[in-house]
């Protein structure tokens, strides 16, 4: 799953260096951001944390550039709303492909499951072993097979390896994601998922050529080295296939409800916004309502809209509350009876243990946006929050 995270090249316009230090050291509870400092249980020393903050300071935009980001940020948030259906359908297609992979695991094991042990047997069995191949699997070779090209693999082993590689390439497939081509001006279509041959197994072994294959740069690879790599890839993939086949139901118990959730989201469209209705609630034009929603989603929704960071399919309603408090059901009106106080709060942010609004006690987690948004933009955000 992709996760929406705030930008860092303007973070010091929203938080003080001390607040940034706190988040690095202790992380942010109930978010993907872990504690990194030693005092928070992480691995970074005080000096490393300070060096990180110094680096962050070095990449900060100018205030003019940070402010200029507000318009494209709002536009990106509005584009996300417009693309919610496509995003959700892409997730559905991917989920269906993963379910198909799980269901196919046992049939793949039936074909290639024995190959790693078959190869190890060839490496050490009388008539197919060589001193080198037997030593590789920790054995001795009592009756070496014919090794025409003297590459450490017997002719019979190379023939068998070539057959197994061809089988593995078609059996242990890879997922191929294709973006359909559309005519200019037409909306994009959902990604298409299919399976294709696995290039890791695109190897062969010629009994009379010691360097049958080449690497990514076109350089020859010794057959024995290619066989080692083949066995390594095959052992890993067969292990994963066996685990998937054995725990098929456990995987499906997560994947199938996940697919149902996404299909329901496609029906209910939790990302959608009725901009005309919002404009009516706010008492502004539709264009201003769109800008207000775009700014709120771009700067506030990660904390104040449940599921926003996970993607449009997972949203739980604007201002529903997540790591920040819910703003729904007129809660902004209760917290800030005077709109001017709410505007001032968003401009400056919260301070730890400092009161705000009606009975509010700051934690320092609410950033100040006065350095990256204009007062007019903040007023639009506040008006939208007060309409929820």
Protein backbone atom coordinates (compact mmCIF):
# COMPACT_ATOMS: atom_id res chain seq x y z
CA UNK A 1 0.00 0.00 0.00
CA UNK A 2 1.23 3.49 -0.79
CA UNK A 3 0.99 6.06 1.97
CA UNK A 4 0.59 9.81 1.73
CA UNK A 5 3.21 11.63 3.81
CA UNK A 6 3.79 15.36 4.27
CA UNK A 7 6.52 17.17 2.38
CA UNK A 8 9.83 17.75 4.14
CA UNK A 9 11.22 20.63 2.09
CA UNK A 10 8.95 23.05 3.94
CA UNK A 11 8.67 21.29 7.31
CA UNK A 12 10.58 24.00 9.20
CA UNK A 13 7.98 26.55 8.11
CA UNK A 14 5.36 24.43 9.88
CA UNK A 15 7.29 23.19 12.92
CA UNK A 16 10.14 24.55 15.00
CA UNK A 17 13.45 22.63 14.98
CA UNK A 18 12.66 21.46 18.52
CA UNK A 19 9.33 20.02 17.42
CA UNK A 20 10.95 18.27 14.44
CA UNK A 21 13.56 16.84 16.81
CA UNK A 22 10.79 15.48 19.02
CA UNK A 23 9.04 13.72 16.12
CA UNK A 24 12.29 12.18 14.88
CA UNK A 25 13.23 10.92 18.33
CA UNK A 26 9.82 9.69 19.48
CA UNK A 27 7.98 9.13 16.20
CA UNK A 28 4.29 9.81 15.79
CA UNK A 29 2.04 7.40 17.67
CA UNK A 30 -0.46 5.45 15.57
CA UNK A 31 1.22 6.49 12.31
CA UNK A 32 3.77 4.72 10.11
CA UNK A 33 6.49 7.06 11.41
CA UNK A 34 8.55 5.13 14.00
CA UNK A 35 10.65 6.43 16.86
CA UNK A 36 14.19 6.88 15.55
CA UNK A 37 16.07 8.45 18.45
CA UNK A 38 17.69 6.41 21.23
CA UNK A 39 15.41 7.96 23.85
CA UNK A 40 12.37 6.88 21.84
CA UNK A 41 13.64 3.33 21.33
CA UNK A 42 15.23 3.90 17.93
CA UNK A 43 18.84 3.64 16.77
CA UNK A 44 19.80 7.26 16.08
CA UNK A 45 22.14 9.08 18.46
CA UNK A 46 21.60 12.68 19.46
CA UNK A 47 24.28 13.73 16.98
CA UNK A 48 22.61 11.79 14.16
CA UNK A 49 19.27 13.39 14.92
CA UNK A 50 20.91 16.83 14.91
CA UNK A 51 22.59 16.02 11.60
CA UNK A 52 19.24 15.00 10.14
CA UNK A 53 17.67 18.28 11.21
CA UNK A 54 20.62 20.18 9.76
CA UNK A 55 20.12 18.33 6.47
CA UNK A 56 16.41 19.13 6.52
CA UNK A 57 17.29 22.77 7.06
CA UNK A 58 19.58 22.63 4.02
CA UNK A 59 16.76 21.47 1.70
CA UNK A 60 14.12 23.96 2.83
CA UNK A 61 12.54 25.96 0.05
CA UNK A 62 12.53 29.70 0.18
CA UNK A 63 9.38 30.99 1.85
CA UNK A 64 8.20 32.34 -1.50
CA UNK A 65 8.61 28.90 -3.09
CA UNK A 66 6.98 27.19 -0.11
CA UNK A 67 4.00 29.51 -0.43
CA UNK A 68 3.90 28.99 -4.20
CA UNK A 69 3.39 25.25 -3.59
CA UNK A 70 -0.06 25.91 -2.15
CA UNK A 71 -1.79 26.14 -5.54
CA UNK A 72 -0.30 22.95 -7.07
CA UNK A 73 -0.87 21.18 -3.75
CA UNK A 74 -4.56 22.07 -3.88
CA UNK A 75 -4.75 21.09 -7.55
CA UNK A 76 -3.12 17.72 -6.82
CA UNK A 77 -5.67 17.09 -4.05
CA UNK A 78 -8.54 17.91 -6.43
CA UNK A 79 -7.03 15.65 -9.10
CA UNK A 80 -6.92 12.87 -6.52
CA UNK A 81 -10.67 13.30 -6.01
CA UNK A 82 -11.25 13.21 -9.76
CA UNK A 83 -9.09 10.08 -10.03
CA UNK A 84 -10.63 8.25 -7.09
CA UNK A 85 -12.57 5.81 -9.27
CA UNK A 86 -9.52 4.93 -11.37
CA UNK A 87 -7.34 4.52 -8.27
CA UNK A 88 -9.89 2.20 -6.68
CA UNK A 89 -10.34 0.11 -9.83
CA UNK A 90 -6.55 -0.27 -10.06
CA UNK A 91 -6.49 -1.54 -6.48
CA UNK A 92 -9.30 -3.98 -7.27
CA UNK A 93 -7.42 -5.30 -10.30
CA UNK A 94 -4.26 -5.73 -8.23
CA UNK A 95 -6.17 -7.48 -5.44
CA UNK A 96 -7.73 -9.88 -7.93
CA UNK A 97 -4.27 -10.63 -9.34
CA UNK A 98 -2.94 -11.40 -5.84
CA UNK A 99 -5.86 -13.71 -5.15
CA UNK A 100 -5.18 -15.49 -8.43
CA UNK A 101 -1.52 -15.89 -7.41
CA UNK A 102 -2.51 -17.50 -4.12
CA UNK A 103 -4.97 -19.85 -5.80
CA UNK A 104 -2.34 -20.90 -8.36
CA UNK A 105 0.43 -21.62 -5.84
CA UNK A 106 -0.31 -25.32 -5.35
CA UNK A 107 -0.45 -26.06 -9.07
CA UNK A 108 2.94 -24.38 -9.45
CA UNK A 109 4.37 -26.41 -6.57
CA UNK A 110 3.13 -29.54 -8.33
CA UNK A 111 5.30 -28.64 -11.32
CA UNK A 112 8.49 -27.17 -9.82
CA UNK A 113 8.35 -28.12 -6.15
CA UNK A 114 10.88 -30.92 -6.46
CA UNK A 115 13.31 -29.07 -8.71
CA UNK A 116 15.73 -27.78 -6.01
CA UNK A 117 16.20 -31.27 -4.59
CA UNK A 118 16.33 -32.76 -8.07
CA UNK A 119 19.22 -30.41 -8.90
CA UNK A 120 21.07 -31.24 -5.69
CA UNK A 121 20.66 -34.93 -6.49
CA UNK A 122 22.09 -34.39 -9.98
CA UNK A 123 25.05 -32.55 -8.47
CA UNK A 124 26.02 -35.56 -6.33
CA UNK A 125 24.51 -38.68 -7.93
CA UNK A 126 26.79 -41.26 -9.62
CA UNK A 127 26.87 -40.72 -13.36
CA UNK A 128 25.68 -37.09 -13.21
CA UNK A 129 28.01 -35.58 -10.62
CA UNK A 130 31.40 -33.91 -10.95
CA UNK A 131 33.87 -33.22 -8.20
CA UNK A 132 32.93 -29.54 -8.33
CA UNK A 133 29.14 -29.98 -8.29
CA UNK A 134 29.29 -32.59 -5.52
CA UNK A 135 31.51 -30.34 -3.41
CA UNK A 136 28.98 -27.50 -3.89
CA UNK A 137 26.30 -29.54 -2.08
CA UNK A 138 28.73 -30.89 0.51
CA UNK A 139 29.15 -34.35 -1.00
CA UNK A 140 31.72 -36.39 -2.91
CA UNK A 141 31.49 -37.76 -6.44
CA UNK A 142 32.29 -41.46 -6.70
CA UNK A 143 31.34 -41.90 -10.35
CA UNK A 144 31.68 -38.64 -12.33
CA UNK A 145 29.56 -38.06 -15.40
CA UNK A 146 30.89 -36.84 -18.73
CA UNK A 147 31.75 -33.13 -18.65
CA UNK A 148 32.54 -32.27 -22.27
CA UNK A 149 33.24 -28.58 -21.75
CA UNK A 150 34.92 -29.04 -18.36
CA UNK A 151 32.78 -26.39 -16.69
CA UNK A 152 32.11 -28.42 -13.54
CA UNK A 153 28.68 -29.64 -14.68
CA UNK A 154 28.15 -33.01 -16.31
CA UNK A 155 26.53 -33.11 -19.72
CA UNK A 156 23.45 -34.88 -18.32
CA UNK A 157 23.12 -32.29 -15.57
CA UNK A 158 23.29 -29.42 -18.07
CA UNK A 159 20.57 -31.04 -20.17
CA UNK A 160 18.33 -31.43 -17.11
CA UNK A 161 19.03 -27.89 -15.90
CA UNK A 162 18.04 -26.46 -19.27
CA UNK A 163 14.73 -28.34 -19.19
CA UNK A 164 13.99 -27.26 -15.62
CA UNK A 165 14.84 -23.63 -16.35
CA UNK A 166 12.43 -23.57 -19.29
CA UNK A 167 9.71 -25.10 -17.13
CA UNK A 168 10.36 -22.69 -14.25
CA UNK A 169 10.29 -19.67 -16.57
CA UNK A 170 6.75 -20.54 -17.65
CA UNK A 171 5.52 -21.79 -14.27
CA UNK A 172 6.95 -19.32 -11.74
CA UNK A 173 5.53 -16.37 -13.63
CA UNK A 174 5.80 -12.68 -12.83
CA UNK A 175 2.95 -10.18 -12.68
CA UNK A 176 2.88 -7.81 -15.62
CA UNK A 177 1.11 -4.47 -15.21
CA UNK A 178 0.06 -2.79 -18.44
CA UNK A 179 -1.30 0.73 -18.76
CA UNK A 180 -3.75 0.73 -21.66
CA UNK A 181 -3.08 3.26 -24.38
CA UNK A 182 -5.88 5.81 -24.80
CA UNK A 183 -6.44 8.47 -27.40
CA UNK A 184 -5.34 11.98 -26.57
CA UNK A 185 -7.92 13.81 -24.52
CA UNK A 186 -9.58 10.61 -23.31
CA UNK A 187 -9.57 9.60 -19.63
CA UNK A 188 -7.07 6.95 -18.55
CA UNK A 189 -8.18 3.36 -18.25
CA UNK A 190 -7.45 1.04 -15.31
CA UNK A 191 -4.20 -0.91 -15.22
CA UNK A 192 -4.39 -4.41 -16.64
CA UNK A 193 -2.77 -7.29 -14.73
CA UNK A 194 -1.47 -10.43 -16.43
CA UNK A 195 1.30 -12.96 -15.97
CA UNK A 196 4.43 -13.40 -18.03
CA UNK A 197 7.60 -15.49 -18.22
CA UNK A 198 10.07 -15.02 -15.39
CA UNK A 199 13.32 -13.64 -16.82
CA UNK A 200 15.28 -14.98 -13.83
CA UNK A 201 14.92 -18.42 -15.38
CA UNK A 202 15.83 -17.42 -18.91
CA UNK A 203 18.98 -19.54 -18.82
CA UNK A 204 20.21 -22.58 -20.67
CA UNK A 205 23.22 -24.84 -20.44
CA UNK A 206 25.14 -26.13 -23.46
CA UNK A 207 27.19 -29.25 -22.71
CA UNK A 208 29.86 -28.11 -25.17
CA UNK A 209 30.08 -24.41 -24.16
CA UNK A 210 31.37 -23.47 -20.71
CA UNK A 211 29.95 -19.93 -20.92
CA UNK A 212 26.47 -20.36 -22.38
CA UNK A 213 24.81 -17.31 -20.80
CA UNK A 214 25.61 -13.62 -20.48
CA UNK A 215 24.92 -11.11 -17.70
CA UNK A 216 22.97 -7.84 -17.95
CA UNK A 217 26.00 -6.12 -19.44
CA UNK A 218 26.47 -8.78 -22.07
CA UNK A 219 29.50 -10.37 -20.40
CA UNK A 220 29.79 -14.18 -20.47
CA UNK A 221 28.80 -16.08 -17.33
CA UNK A 222 30.37 -19.42 -16.50
CA UNK A 223 27.80 -22.21 -16.58
CA UNK A 224 28.60 -23.33 -13.06
CA UNK A 225 27.96 -19.80 -11.75
CA UNK A 226 24.71 -19.64 -13.72
CA UNK A 227 23.68 -22.98 -12.20
CA UNK A 228 24.38 -21.69 -8.69
CA UNK A 229 22.25 -18.61 -9.33
CA UNK A 230 19.49 -20.70 -10.89
CA UNK A 231 19.38 -23.01 -7.88
CA UNK A 232 19.36 -20.02 -5.51
CA UNK A 233 16.42 -18.31 -7.25
CA UNK A 234 14.57 -21.59 -7.57
CA UNK A 235 15.03 -22.51 -3.90
CA UNK A 236 13.70 -19.12 -2.76
CA UNK A 237 10.71 -19.17 -5.10
CA UNK A 238 9.76 -22.75 -4.28
CA UNK A 239 9.92 -21.93 -0.57
CA UNK A 240 7.54 -18.99 -1.10
CA UNK A 241 5.23 -21.09 -3.23
CA UNK A 242 5.11 -23.82 -0.59
CA UNK A 243 4.33 -21.31 2.17
CA UNK A 244 1.61 -19.74 0.02
CA UNK A 245 0.08 -23.11 -0.86
CA UNK A 246 0.18 -24.36 2.73
CA UNK A 247 -1.32 -21.13 4.12
CA UNK A 248 -3.66 -20.50 1.22
CA UNK A 249 -6.74 -20.00 3.37
CA UNK A 250 -4.96 -17.64 5.74
CA UNK A 251 -3.94 -15.44 2.81
CA UNK A 252 -7.41 -15.57 1.26
CA UNK A 253 -8.98 -14.68 4.59
CA UNK A 254 -7.30 -11.28 4.24
CA UNK A 255 -7.36 -10.83 0.48
CA UNK A 256 -11.01 -11.69 -0.20
CA UNK A 257 -12.50 -9.28 2.39
CA UNK A 258 -10.03 -6.68 1.15
CA UNK A 259 -11.40 -7.11 -2.36
CA UNK A 260 -14.97 -6.78 -1.05
CA UNK A 261 -13.98 -3.57 0.77
CA UNK A 262 -12.57 -2.08 -2.43
CA UNK A 263 -15.61 -3.13 -4.46
CA UNK A 264 -17.85 -1.46 -1.86
CA UNK A 265 -15.68 1.67 -2.04
CA UNK A 266 -16.14 1.73 -5.81
CA UNK A 267 -19.90 1.77 -5.20
CA UNK A 268 -19.99 4.28 -2.34
CA UNK A 269 -17.20 6.56 -3.66
CA UNK A 270 -16.02 7.88 -0.25
CA UNK A 271 -13.65 10.34 -1.96
CA UNK A 272 -16.40 12.21 -3.78
CA UNK A 273 -17.25 15.81 -2.89
CA UNK A 274 -20.42 17.67 -3.91
CA UNK A 275 -18.80 21.04 -4.56
CA UNK A 276 -22.09 22.80 -5.16
CA UNK A 277 -23.37 21.62 -1.79
CA UNK A 278 -20.11 22.69 -0.13
CA UNK A 279 -20.37 26.10 -1.79
CA UNK A 280 -23.90 26.44 -0.43
CA UNK A 281 -22.84 25.49 3.10
CA UNK A 282 -19.88 27.88 3.00
CA UNK A 283 -21.72 30.68 1.26
CA UNK A 284 -19.04 31.01 -1.43
CA UNK A 285 -18.69 30.33 -5.16
CA UNK A 286 -18.14 26.81 -6.46
CA UNK A 287 -14.60 27.77 -7.47
CA UNK A 288 -13.83 28.94 -3.94
CA UNK A 289 -15.41 25.77 -2.55
CA UNK A 290 -13.11 23.67 -4.77
CA UNK A 291 -10.09 25.68 -3.62
CA UNK A 292 -11.13 25.27 0.02
CA UNK A 293 -11.50 21.48 -0.36
CA UNK A 294 -8.23 21.25 -2.27
CA UNK A 295 -6.35 23.20 0.40
CA UNK A 296 -7.96 21.25 3.25
CA UNK A 297 -7.17 17.90 1.62
CA UNK A 298 -3.67 19.00 0.67
CA UNK A 299 -2.67 20.35 4.08
CA UNK A 300 -5.10 19.06 6.71
CA UNK A 301 -6.74 15.79 5.66
CA UNK A 302 -3.79 13.52 6.49
CA UNK A 303 -4.49 14.20 10.15
CA UNK A 304 -8.16 15.18 10.18
CA UNK A 305 -9.74 12.77 7.66
CA UNK A 306 -9.72 9.09 8.58
CA UNK A 307 -8.01 6.91 5.98
CA UNK A 308 -6.84 9.83 3.82
CA UNK A 309 -3.18 8.85 3.87
CA UNK A 310 -4.02 5.35 2.68
CA UNK A 311 -5.73 6.62 -0.47
CA UNK A 312 -9.14 7.77 -1.72
CA UNK A 313 -10.63 4.27 -1.45
CA UNK A 314 -10.08 4.31 2.32
CA UNK A 315 -11.39 7.76 3.24
CA UNK A 316 -13.97 7.88 6.01
CA UNK A 317 -15.47 11.28 5.29
CA UNK A 318 -13.99 14.80 5.31
CA UNK A 319 -12.89 15.89 8.77
CA UNK A 320 -13.85 12.52 10.28
CA UNK A 321 -10.75 12.52 12.48
CA UNK A 322 -7.63 10.40 12.47
CA UNK A 323 -4.40 11.49 14.19
CA UNK A 324 -6.00 14.86 14.65
CA UNK A 325 -9.45 15.38 16.18
CA UNK A 326 -12.65 15.08 14.20
CA UNK A 327 -13.97 18.29 12.70
CA UNK A 328 -17.32 16.83 11.68
CA UNK A 329 -20.73 17.66 13.10
CA UNK A 330 -19.86 21.29 13.73
CA UNK A 331 -17.07 20.57 16.20
CA UNK A 332 -15.04 23.53 14.96
CA UNK A 333 -17.94 25.80 15.95
CA UNK A 334 -17.88 24.36 19.46
CA UNK A 335 -14.10 24.54 19.82
CA UNK A 336 -13.86 28.02 18.29
CA UNK A 337 -17.07 30.03 18.70
CA UNK A 338 -15.22 32.99 17.16
CA UNK A 339 -13.93 32.22 13.66
CA UNK A 340 -11.02 34.62 14.20
CA UNK A 341 -9.66 32.40 16.96
CA UNK A 342 -9.69 29.35 14.65
CA UNK A 343 -7.92 31.29 11.91
CA UNK A 344 -5.26 32.43 14.39
CA UNK A 345 -4.85 28.86 15.65
CA UNK A 346 -4.23 27.47 12.17
CA UNK A 347 -1.79 30.28 11.44
CA UNK A 348 0.33 29.60 14.54
CA UNK A 349 -0.38 25.93 15.34
CA UNK A 350 -0.53 24.38 18.79
CA UNK A 351 2.04 24.51 21.54
CA UNK A 352 2.53 21.75 24.06
CA UNK A 353 0.41 22.29 27.19
CA UNK A 354 -0.82 25.69 25.94
CA UNK A 355 -4.57 26.21 25.78
CA UNK A 356 -6.52 27.02 22.62
CA UNK A 357 -10.18 27.62 21.85
CA UNK A 358 -12.69 26.31 24.37
CA UNK A 359 -10.94 24.00 26.84
CA UNK A 360 -8.38 22.87 24.27
CA UNK A 361 -4.89 21.90 25.46
CA UNK A 362 -2.19 21.86 22.80
CA UNK A 363 0.17 18.93 22.23
CA UNK A 364 2.49 20.60 19.72
CA UNK A 365 1.38 18.18 17.01
CA UNK A 366 -0.74 20.70 15.13
CA UNK A 367 1.59 22.61 12.79
CA UNK A 368 1.28 26.29 12.02
CA UNK A 369 0.50 27.14 8.39
CA UNK A 370 0.96 30.89 8.50
CA UNK A 371 4.30 30.71 6.71
CA UNK A 372 3.10 28.56 3.78
CA UNK A 373 -0.51 29.69 3.26
CA UNK A 374 -2.03 33.14 2.96
CA UNK A 375 -4.60 34.37 5.44
CA UNK A 376 -7.17 34.27 2.65
CA UNK A 377 -6.40 30.61 1.99
CA UNK A 378 -6.51 29.78 5.70
CA UNK A 379 -9.85 31.58 5.98
CA UNK A 380 -11.22 29.39 3.18
CA UNK A 381 -9.98 26.27 4.99
CA UNK A 382 -11.57 27.42 8.24
CA UNK A 383 -14.87 28.20 6.52
CA UNK A 384 -14.88 24.71 5.04
CA UNK A 385 -14.05 23.10 8.40
CA UNK A 386 -16.89 25.03 10.03
CA UNK A 387 -19.31 23.71 7.41
CA UNK A 388 -18.56 20.05 8.13
